[in-house]
């Protein structure tokens, strides 16, 4: 049984049996990897709190080569990204990021660029005042790294140069499509959204995170990227439904009470 060591991020976990955990990692050298952490749920487990979601660490594991599951020996924390678990907005966005990554990645398909993007995204979610924007920047870059880079300069079907209205993003067609080619089924995009998406592609990561965008336009872009990732994955991520519930709760809290309206 071979012993391996790699930097990894915990992207999922669940109980296994009475005391074990099945843990999903995204690793630098091996891509998505699932393993069993023996006795990880016991109070005095040697893993302690190391296997919390979104934790970056050094994973040491045994691989027999006969199973899709590896045996986790230990996991040493490099960075815990604690704020991503302590704030609902950041938690929701971090969960969306790892859920999209898990859903679109094949097991044991190493993509170091995706690993670096994941770590950068979790780091940005720790400090940014715009968690939704950080997640959108991740989504846009992840789409390219998954080989699904949509064409934004012209209609992907007939070649008609952009701008044209209405415009929609169609994954099956490979990019924007115009109304003459059947823009109905795609993701409706305004000219401002398309222009900003094109601009983001030309910016470095730090520049993209700092790009000033009007609140309404930022909301449109975030919604479009969420829709794009959901269509690529073939389903709406559970974290998207969670964030929708959070937004509804926040709106209810923000609504003035009858007494405050009368003041």
C-alpha atoms as a PDB file:
ATOM      1  CA  UNK A   1       0.000   0.000   0.000  1.00  0.00           C
ATOM      2  CA  UNK A   2       1.587   3.280  -1.159  1.00  0.00           C
ATOM      3  CA  UNK A   3       1.861   6.391   1.034  1.00  0.00           C
ATOM      4  CA  UNK A   4       1.202   9.829  -0.499  1.00  0.00           C
ATOM      5  CA  UNK A   5       1.332  13.432   0.663  1.00  0.00           C
ATOM      6  CA  UNK A   6      -0.366  16.434  -0.971  1.00  0.00           C
ATOM      7  CA  UNK A   7      -1.856  19.843  -0.213  1.00  0.00           C
ATOM      8  CA  UNK A   8      -5.639  19.559  -0.051  1.00  0.00           C
ATOM      9  CA  UNK A   9      -8.837  21.413   0.767  1.00  0.00           C
ATOM     10  CA  UNK A  10     -11.733  19.679   2.523  1.00  0.00           C
ATOM     11  CA  UNK A  11     -14.703  20.120   0.162  1.00  0.00           C
ATOM     12  CA  UNK A  12     -17.156  17.675   1.733  1.00  0.00           C
ATOM     13  CA  UNK A  13     -17.667  15.113   4.466  1.00  0.00           C
ATOM     14  CA  UNK A  14     -20.288  12.815   5.954  1.00  0.00           C
ATOM     15  CA  UNK A  15     -20.628  10.260   8.710  1.00  0.00           C
ATOM     16  CA  UNK A  16     -19.594   6.711   7.921  1.00  0.00           C
ATOM     17  CA  UNK A  17     -20.587   3.932  10.275  1.00  0.00           C
ATOM     18  CA  UNK A  18     -20.513   4.591  14.012  1.00  0.00           C
ATOM     19  CA  UNK A  19     -17.277   6.548  14.310  1.00  0.00           C
ATOM     20  CA  UNK A  20     -15.664   7.131  10.898  1.00  0.00           C
ATOM     21  CA  UNK A  21     -15.924   9.929   8.355  1.00  0.00           C
ATOM     22  CA  UNK A  22     -15.985   9.843   4.581  1.00  0.00           C
ATOM     23  CA  UNK A  23     -14.123  12.987   3.516  1.00  0.00           C
ATOM     24  CA  UNK A  24     -13.862  14.559   0.083  1.00  0.00           C
ATOM     25  CA  UNK A  25     -10.790  16.630  -0.770  1.00  0.00           C
ATOM     26  CA  UNK A  26      -9.657  18.690  -3.700  1.00  0.00           C
ATOM     27  CA  UNK A  27      -5.917  18.131  -3.926  1.00  0.00           C
ATOM     28  CA  UNK A  28      -3.072  19.795  -5.767  1.00  0.00           C
ATOM     29  CA  UNK A  29      -1.561  16.623  -7.254  1.00  0.00           C
ATOM     30  CA  UNK A  30      -4.526  14.232  -7.490  1.00  0.00           C
ATOM     31  CA  UNK A  31      -7.594  16.393  -8.099  1.00  0.00           C
ATOM     32  CA  UNK A  32     -10.776  15.284  -6.334  1.00  0.00           C
ATOM     33  CA  UNK A  33     -10.139  12.497  -3.853  1.00  0.00           C
ATOM     34  CA  UNK A  34     -12.344  10.646  -1.356  1.00  0.00           C
ATOM     35  CA  UNK A  35     -11.035   8.925   1.720  1.00  0.00           C
ATOM     36  CA  UNK A  36     -11.991   7.316   5.011  1.00  0.00           C
ATOM     37  CA  UNK A  37     -10.845   8.905   8.267  1.00  0.00           C
ATOM     38  CA  UNK A  38     -11.020   6.125  10.846  1.00  0.00           C
ATOM     39  CA  UNK A  39     -12.494   7.087  14.245  1.00  0.00           C
ATOM     40  CA  UNK A  40     -12.656  10.753  13.147  1.00  0.00           C
ATOM     41  CA  UNK A  41     -15.991  11.228  14.947  1.00  0.00           C
ATOM     42  CA  UNK A  42     -14.740  10.024  18.310  1.00  0.00           C
ATOM     43  CA  UNK A  43     -14.272  12.758  20.974  1.00  0.00           C
ATOM     44  CA  UNK A  44     -10.524  12.165  21.241  1.00  0.00           C
ATOM     45  CA  UNK A  45      -9.857  11.562  17.571  1.00  0.00           C
ATOM     46  CA  UNK A  46      -6.348  12.393  16.381  1.00  0.00           C
ATOM     47  CA  UNK A  47      -7.922  14.465  13.606  1.00  0.00           C
ATOM     48  CA  UNK A  48      -9.478  16.920  16.068  1.00  0.00           C
ATOM     49  CA  UNK A  49     -11.118  19.773  14.119  1.00  0.00           C
ATOM     50  CA  UNK A  50      -8.769  19.431  11.143  1.00  0.00           C
ATOM     51  CA  UNK A  51     -11.402  17.942   8.833  1.00  0.00           C
ATOM     52  CA  UNK A  52     -13.782  20.917   8.987  1.00  0.00           C
ATOM     53  CA  UNK A  53     -15.119  22.080   5.598  1.00  0.00           C
ATOM     54  CA  UNK A  54     -12.951  24.515   3.588  1.00  0.00           C
ATOM     55  CA  UNK A  55      -9.794  23.717   5.595  1.00  0.00           C
ATOM     56  CA  UNK A  56      -6.514  23.790   3.676  1.00  0.00           C
ATOM     57  CA  UNK A  57      -3.995  21.259   4.911  1.00  0.00           C
ATOM     58  CA  UNK A  58      -1.326  18.694   4.181  1.00  0.00           C
ATOM     59  CA  UNK A  59      -3.024  15.365   3.533  1.00  0.00           C
ATOM     60  CA  UNK A  60      -1.157  12.111   4.112  1.00  0.00           C
ATOM     61  CA  UNK A  61      -2.962   8.992   2.877  1.00  0.00           C
ATOM     62  CA  UNK A  62      -2.531   5.364   1.927  1.00  0.00           C
ATOM     63  CA  UNK A  63      -3.764   4.125  -1.447  1.00  0.00           C
ATOM     64  CA  UNK A  64      -4.079   0.438  -2.242  1.00  0.00           C
ATOM     65  CA  UNK A  65      -4.873   1.101  -5.898  1.00  0.00           C
ATOM     66  CA  UNK A  66      -7.831  -1.284  -5.649  1.00  0.00           C
ATOM     67  CA  UNK A  67     -10.486   1.119  -4.346  1.00  0.00           C
ATOM     68  CA  UNK A  68     -11.717   4.601  -5.160  1.00  0.00           C
ATOM     69  CA  UNK A  69     -11.411   5.376  -1.442  1.00  0.00           C
ATOM     70  CA  UNK A  70      -8.060   6.077   0.171  1.00  0.00           C
ATOM     71  CA  UNK A  71      -7.212   5.668   3.854  1.00  0.00           C
ATOM     72  CA  UNK A  72      -6.486   8.992   5.521  1.00  0.00           C
ATOM     73  CA  UNK A  73      -3.494   8.790   7.835  1.00  0.00           C
ATOM     74  CA  UNK A  74      -3.429  12.406   9.003  1.00  0.00           C
ATOM     75  CA  UNK A  75      -4.282  15.921   7.906  1.00  0.00           C
ATOM     76  CA  UNK A  76      -2.216  18.856   9.161  1.00  0.00           C
ATOM     77  CA  UNK A  77      -3.889  22.269   8.984  1.00  0.00           C
ATOM     78  CA  UNK A  78      -2.192  24.957   6.907  1.00  0.00           C
ATOM     79  CA  UNK A  79      -5.076  27.452   6.985  1.00  0.00           C
ATOM     80  CA  UNK A  80      -8.536  26.935   8.453  1.00  0.00           C
ATOM     81  CA  UNK A  81     -10.448  29.766   6.691  1.00  0.00           C
ATOM     82  CA  UNK A  82     -12.505  30.142   9.857  1.00  0.00           C
ATOM     83  CA  UNK A  83     -14.557  33.159   8.730  1.00  0.00           C
ATOM     84  CA  UNK A  84     -16.057  31.113   5.916  1.00  0.00           C
ATOM     85  CA  UNK A  85     -17.799  29.012   8.586  1.00  0.00           C
ATOM     86  CA  UNK A  86     -18.767  31.810  11.000  1.00  0.00           C
ATOM     87  CA  UNK A  87     -20.720  34.117   8.688  1.00  0.00           C
ATOM     88  CA  UNK A  88     -23.844  32.961   6.815  1.00  0.00           C
ATOM     89  CA  UNK A  89     -23.091  34.880   3.623  1.00  0.00           C
ATOM     90  CA  UNK A  90     -19.492  33.654   3.466  1.00  0.00           C
ATOM     91  CA  UNK A  91     -20.560  30.130   4.426  1.00  0.00           C
ATOM     92  CA  UNK A  92     -23.115  30.044   1.625  1.00  0.00           C
ATOM     93  CA  UNK A  93     -20.651  31.307  -0.980  1.00  0.00           C
ATOM     94  CA  UNK A  94     -17.871  28.958   0.135  1.00  0.00           C
ATOM     95  CA  UNK A  95     -20.318  26.040   0.076  1.00  0.00           C
ATOM     96  CA  UNK A  96     -21.391  27.031  -3.452  1.00  0.00           C
ATOM     97  CA  UNK A  97     -17.763  27.169  -4.611  1.00  0.00           C
ATOM     98  CA  UNK A  98     -16.861  23.691  -3.316  1.00  0.00           C
ATOM     99  CA  UNK A  99     -20.176  22.201  -4.436  1.00  0.00           C
ATOM    100  CA  UNK A 100     -19.652  23.451  -7.990  1.00  0.00           C
ATOM    101  CA  UNK A 101     -16.070  22.209  -7.958  1.00  0.00           C
ATOM    102  CA  UNK A 102     -17.115  18.793  -6.679  1.00  0.00           C
ATOM    103  CA  UNK A 103     -20.001  18.461  -9.117  1.00  0.00           C
ATOM    104  CA  UNK A 104     -17.992  19.405 -12.198  1.00  0.00           C
ATOM    105  CA  UNK A 105     -14.737  17.574 -11.374  1.00  0.00           C
ATOM    106  CA  UNK A 106     -13.969  13.953 -12.143  1.00  0.00           C
ATOM    107  CA  UNK A 107     -12.306  11.849  -9.461  1.00  0.00           C
ATOM    108  CA  UNK A 108      -8.503  11.782  -9.577  1.00  0.00           C
ATOM    109  CA  UNK A 109      -8.238  14.261 -12.431  1.00  0.00           C
ATOM    110  CA  UNK A 110      -5.476  16.637 -11.283  1.00  0.00           C
ATOM    111  CA  UNK A 111      -5.892  20.273 -12.284  1.00  0.00           C
ATOM    112  CA  UNK A 112      -3.394  22.388 -10.336  1.00  0.00           C
ATOM    113  CA  UNK A 113      -4.845  25.622 -11.743  1.00  0.00           C
ATOM    114  CA  UNK A 114      -8.254  24.761 -10.253  1.00  0.00           C
ATOM    115  CA  UNK A 115      -6.631  23.953  -6.920  1.00  0.00           C
ATOM    116  CA  UNK A 116      -4.857  27.328  -6.895  1.00  0.00           C
ATOM    117  CA  UNK A 117      -8.119  29.071  -7.830  1.00  0.00           C
ATOM    118  CA  UNK A 118      -9.951  27.313  -4.980  1.00  0.00           C
ATOM    119  CA  UNK A 119      -7.356  28.362  -2.389  1.00  0.00           C
ATOM    120  CA  UNK A 120      -7.332  31.945  -3.694  1.00  0.00           C
ATOM    121  CA  UNK A 121     -11.129  32.061  -3.559  1.00  0.00           C
ATOM    122  CA  UNK A 122     -11.331  30.810   0.028  1.00  0.00           C
ATOM    123  CA  UNK A 123      -8.660  33.329   1.012  1.00  0.00           C
ATOM    124  CA  UNK A 124     -10.605  36.147  -0.640  1.00  0.00           C
ATOM    125  CA  UNK A 125     -13.839  35.083   1.084  1.00  0.00           C
ATOM    126  CA  UNK A 126     -12.045  35.522   4.418  1.00  0.00           C
ATOM    127  CA  UNK A 127     -11.421  39.236   3.872  1.00  0.00           C
ATOM    128  CA  UNK A 128     -13.664  40.585   1.120  1.00  0.00           C
ATOM    129  CA  UNK A 129     -16.737  42.682   1.839  1.00  0.00           C
ATOM    130  CA  UNK A 130     -18.242  41.287  -1.403  1.00  0.00           C
ATOM    131  CA  UNK A 131     -18.525  37.501  -0.934  1.00  0.00           C
ATOM    132  CA  UNK A 132     -21.006  37.112  -3.793  1.00  0.00           C
ATOM    133  CA  UNK A 133     -18.626  38.908  -6.139  1.00  0.00           C
ATOM    134  CA  UNK A 134     -15.732  36.668  -5.053  1.00  0.00           C
ATOM    135  CA  UNK A 135     -17.854  33.601  -5.843  1.00  0.00           C
ATOM    136  CA  UNK A 136     -18.809  35.042  -9.242  1.00  0.00           C
ATOM    137  CA  UNK A 137     -15.143  35.680 -10.080  1.00  0.00           C
ATOM    138  CA  UNK A 138     -14.412  32.070  -9.119  1.00  0.00           C
ATOM    139  CA  UNK A 139     -17.258  30.778 -11.283  1.00  0.00           C
ATOM    140  CA  UNK A 140     -16.190  32.720 -14.352  1.00  0.00           C
ATOM    141  CA  UNK A 141     -12.607  31.439 -14.117  1.00  0.00           C
ATOM    142  CA  UNK A 142     -13.667  27.895 -13.250  1.00  0.00           C
ATOM    143  CA  UNK A 143     -15.836  27.703 -16.377  1.00  0.00           C
ATOM    144  CA  UNK A 144     -12.773  28.474 -18.486  1.00  0.00           C
ATOM    145  CA  UNK A 145     -10.626  25.926 -16.621  1.00  0.00           C
ATOM    146  CA  UNK A 146     -13.288  23.255 -17.134  1.00  0.00           C
ATOM    147  CA  UNK A 147     -12.959  23.862 -20.886  1.00  0.00           C
ATOM    148  CA  UNK A 148     -16.354  25.550 -21.260  1.00  0.00           C
ATOM    149  CA  UNK A 149     -15.168  29.089 -22.100  1.00  0.00           C
ATOM    150  CA  UNK A 150     -18.217  30.727 -23.733  1.00  0.00           C
ATOM    151  CA  UNK A 151     -17.788  33.033 -26.707  1.00  0.00           C
ATOM    152  CA  UNK A 152     -18.829  36.603 -25.861  1.00  0.00           C
ATOM    153  CA  UNK A 153     -17.795  38.618 -28.920  1.00  0.00           C
ATOM    154  CA  UNK A 154     -20.353  37.319 -31.427  1.00  0.00           C
ATOM    155  CA  UNK A 155     -23.271  34.916 -31.850  1.00  0.00           C
ATOM    156  CA  UNK A 156     -21.886  31.420 -31.431  1.00  0.00           C
ATOM    157  CA  UNK A 157     -24.350  30.097 -34.026  1.00  0.00           C
ATOM    158  CA  UNK A 158     -24.429  32.576 -36.913  1.00  0.00           C
ATOM    159  CA  UNK A 159     -21.350  34.691 -36.150  1.00  0.00           C
ATOM    160  CA  UNK A 160     -23.247  37.965 -35.862  1.00  0.00           C
ATOM    161  CA  UNK A 161     -20.964  40.436 -34.020  1.00  0.00           C
ATOM    162  CA  UNK A 162     -22.027  41.616 -30.574  1.00  0.00           C
ATOM    163  CA  UNK A 163     -23.736  43.927 -29.535  1.00  0.00           C
ATOM    164  CA  UNK A 164     -27.186  42.691 -30.352  1.00  0.00           C
ATOM    165  CA  UNK A 165     -30.349  42.559 -28.277  1.00  0.00           C
ATOM    166  CA  UNK A 166     -31.800  40.454 -26.894  1.00  0.00           C
ATOM    167  CA  UNK A 167     -28.753  38.321 -26.145  1.00  0.00           C
ATOM    168  CA  UNK A 168     -28.551  35.053 -24.263  1.00  0.00           C
ATOM    169  CA  UNK A 169     -25.782  32.738 -23.138  1.00  0.00           C
ATOM    170  CA  UNK A 170     -26.308  29.193 -24.371  1.00  0.00           C
ATOM    171  CA  UNK A 171     -23.914  26.550 -23.041  1.00  0.00           C
ATOM    172  CA  UNK A 172     -24.804  24.003 -25.715  1.00  0.00           C
ATOM    173  CA  UNK A 173     -24.107  26.546 -28.471  1.00  0.00           C
ATOM    174  CA  UNK A 174     -20.823  27.591 -26.864  1.00  0.00           C
ATOM    175  CA  UNK A 175     -21.543  31.222 -26.087  1.00  0.00           C
ATOM    176  CA  UNK A 176     -23.844  34.130 -26.858  1.00  0.00           C
ATOM    177  CA  UNK A 177     -26.711  33.598 -29.260  1.00  0.00           C
ATOM    178  CA  UNK A 178     -28.913  36.199 -30.894  1.00  0.00           C
ATOM    179  CA  UNK A 179     -32.688  36.158 -31.156  1.00  0.00           C
ATOM    180  CA  UNK A 180     -32.539  35.028 -34.790  1.00  0.00           C
ATOM    181  CA  UNK A 181     -30.783  31.847 -33.631  1.00  0.00           C
ATOM    182  CA  UNK A 182     -33.172  31.228 -30.759  1.00  0.00           C
ATOM    183  CA  UNK A 183     -32.029  33.212 -27.726  1.00  0.00           C
ATOM    184  CA  UNK A 184     -34.997  31.993 -25.676  1.00  0.00           C
ATOM    185  CA  UNK A 185     -33.551  28.942 -23.832  1.00  0.00           C
ATOM    186  CA  UNK A 186     -30.311  30.622 -22.773  1.00  0.00           C
ATOM    187  CA  UNK A 187     -29.394  32.915 -19.896  1.00  0.00           C
ATOM    188  CA  UNK A 188     -30.622  36.414 -20.757  1.00  0.00           C
ATOM    189  CA  UNK A 189     -27.784  38.950 -20.517  1.00  0.00           C
ATOM    190  CA  UNK A 190     -27.786  42.719 -20.839  1.00  0.00           C
ATOM    191  CA  UNK A 191     -25.096  44.511 -22.799  1.00  0.00           C
ATOM    192  CA  UNK A 192     -23.601  45.803 -19.546  1.00  0.00           C
ATOM    193  CA  UNK A 193     -23.290  42.272 -18.152  1.00  0.00           C
ATOM    194  CA  UNK A 194     -21.620  40.974 -21.308  1.00  0.00           C
ATOM    195  CA  UNK A 195     -19.221  43.927 -21.338  1.00  0.00           C
ATOM    196  CA  UNK A 196     -18.247  43.374 -17.704  1.00  0.00           C
ATOM    197  CA  UNK A 197     -17.767  39.624 -18.197  1.00  0.00           C
ATOM    198  CA  UNK A 198     -15.447  40.330 -21.129  1.00  0.00           C
ATOM    199  CA  UNK A 199     -13.520  42.846 -19.058  1.00  0.00           C
ATOM    200  CA  UNK A 200     -13.150  40.420 -16.143  1.00  0.00           C
ATOM    201  CA  UNK A 201     -11.495  37.894 -18.439  1.00  0.00           C
ATOM    202  CA  UNK A 202      -8.663  40.318 -19.101  1.00  0.00           C
ATOM    203  CA  UNK A 203      -7.983  41.145 -15.452  1.00  0.00           C
ATOM    204  CA  UNK A 204      -5.700  39.437 -12.967  1.00  0.00           C
ATOM    205  CA  UNK A 205      -7.415  37.804  -9.975  1.00  0.00           C
ATOM    206  CA  UNK A 206      -6.740  40.663  -7.544  1.00  0.00           C
ATOM    207  CA  UNK A 207      -7.846  43.245 -10.126  1.00  0.00           C
ATOM    208  CA  UNK A 208     -11.082  41.364 -10.788  1.00  0.00           C
ATOM    209  CA  UNK A 209     -11.902  41.262  -7.067  1.00  0.00           C
ATOM    210  CA  UNK A 210     -11.395  45.025  -6.776  1.00  0.00           C
ATOM    211  CA  UNK A 211     -13.305  45.963  -9.930  1.00  0.00           C
ATOM    212  CA  UNK A 212     -15.928  48.589  -8.992  1.00  0.00           C
ATOM    213  CA  UNK A 213     -19.358  47.549 -10.250  1.00  0.00           C
ATOM    214  CA  UNK A 214     -22.737  49.156  -9.557  1.00  0.00           C
ATOM    215  CA  UNK A 215     -24.828  47.170  -7.098  1.00  0.00           C
ATOM    216  CA  UNK A 216     -27.591  46.250  -9.551  1.00  0.00           C
ATOM    217  CA  UNK A 217     -25.092  45.214 -12.237  1.00  0.00           C
ATOM    218  CA  UNK A 218     -23.097  43.168  -9.725  1.00  0.00           C
ATOM    219  CA  UNK A 219     -26.294  41.355  -8.764  1.00  0.00           C
ATOM    220  CA  UNK A 220     -27.043  40.583 -12.433  1.00  0.00           C
ATOM    221  CA  UNK A 221     -23.539  39.217 -12.989  1.00  0.00           C
ATOM    222  CA  UNK A 222     -23.614  37.059  -9.848  1.00  0.00           C
ATOM    223  CA  UNK A 223     -27.015  35.647 -10.835  1.00  0.00           C
ATOM    224  CA  UNK A 224     -25.818  34.944 -14.387  1.00  0.00           C
ATOM    225  CA  UNK A 225     -22.711  33.088 -13.182  1.00  0.00           C
ATOM    226  CA  UNK A 226     -24.787  31.057 -10.699  1.00  0.00           C
ATOM    227  CA  UNK A 227     -27.183  30.139 -13.515  1.00  0.00           C
ATOM    228  CA  UNK A 228     -24.276  29.239 -15.789  1.00  0.00           C
ATOM    229  CA  UNK A 229     -22.715  26.900 -13.218  1.00  0.00           C
ATOM    230  CA  UNK A 230     -26.075  25.287 -12.457  1.00  0.00           C
ATOM    231  CA  UNK A 231     -26.615  24.537 -16.151  1.00  0.00           C
ATOM    232  CA  UNK A 232     -23.127  23.091 -16.483  1.00  0.00           C
ATOM    233  CA  UNK A 233     -23.709  20.865 -13.448  1.00  0.00           C
ATOM    234  CA  UNK A 234     -27.178  19.901 -14.651  1.00  0.00           C
ATOM    235  CA  UNK A 235     -28.868  20.931 -11.407  1.00  0.00           C
ATOM    236  CA  UNK A 236     -29.233  23.822  -8.990  1.00  0.00           C
ATOM    237  CA  UNK A 237     -26.643  23.479  -6.202  1.00  0.00           C
ATOM    238  CA  UNK A 238     -28.112  22.970  -2.734  1.00  0.00           C
ATOM    239  CA  UNK A 239     -26.037  25.937  -1.562  1.00  0.00           C
ATOM    240  CA  UNK A 240     -27.891  28.187  -4.029  1.00  0.00           C
ATOM    241  CA  UNK A 241     -31.173  27.234  -2.376  1.00  0.00           C
ATOM    242  CA  UNK A 242     -29.589  27.890   1.030  1.00  0.00           C
ATOM    243  CA  UNK A 243     -28.459  31.366  -0.050  1.00  0.00           C
ATOM    244  CA  UNK A 244     -31.933  32.137  -1.403  1.00  0.00           C
ATOM    245  CA  UNK A 245     -33.381  31.290   2.026  1.00  0.00           C
ATOM    246  CA  UNK A 246     -30.770  33.506   3.725  1.00  0.00           C
ATOM    247  CA  UNK A 247     -31.637  36.427   1.431  1.00  0.00           C
ATOM    248  CA  UNK A 248     -35.359  36.018   2.139  1.00  0.00           C
ATOM    249  CA  UNK A 249     -34.674  35.944   5.888  1.00  0.00           C
ATOM    250  CA  UNK A 250     -32.547  39.088   5.691  1.00  0.00           C
ATOM    251  CA  UNK A 251     -35.254  40.874   3.733  1.00  0.00           C
ATOM    252  CA  UNK A 252     -37.846  39.961   6.367  1.00  0.00           C
ATOM    253  CA  UNK A 253     -35.568  41.247   9.134  1.00  0.00           C
ATOM    254  CA  UNK A 254     -35.013  44.492   7.225  1.00  0.00           C
ATOM    255  CA  UNK A 255     -38.730  45.140   6.716  1.00  0.00           C
ATOM    256  CA  UNK A 256     -40.038  47.913   9.004  1.00  0.00           C
ATOM    257  CA  UNK A 257     -42.549  46.870  11.640  1.00  0.00           C
ATOM    258  CA  UNK A 258     -45.974  48.595  11.747  1.00  0.00           C
ATOM    259  CA  UNK A 259     -44.826  50.588  14.809  1.00  0.00           C
ATOM    260  CA  UNK A 260     -41.614  51.775  13.103  1.00  0.00           C
ATOM    261  CA  UNK A 261     -43.587  52.819  10.020  1.00  0.00           C
ATOM    262  CA  UNK A 262     -45.744  55.056  12.140  1.00  0.00           C
ATOM    263  CA  UNK A 263     -42.837  56.907  13.733  1.00  0.00           C
END
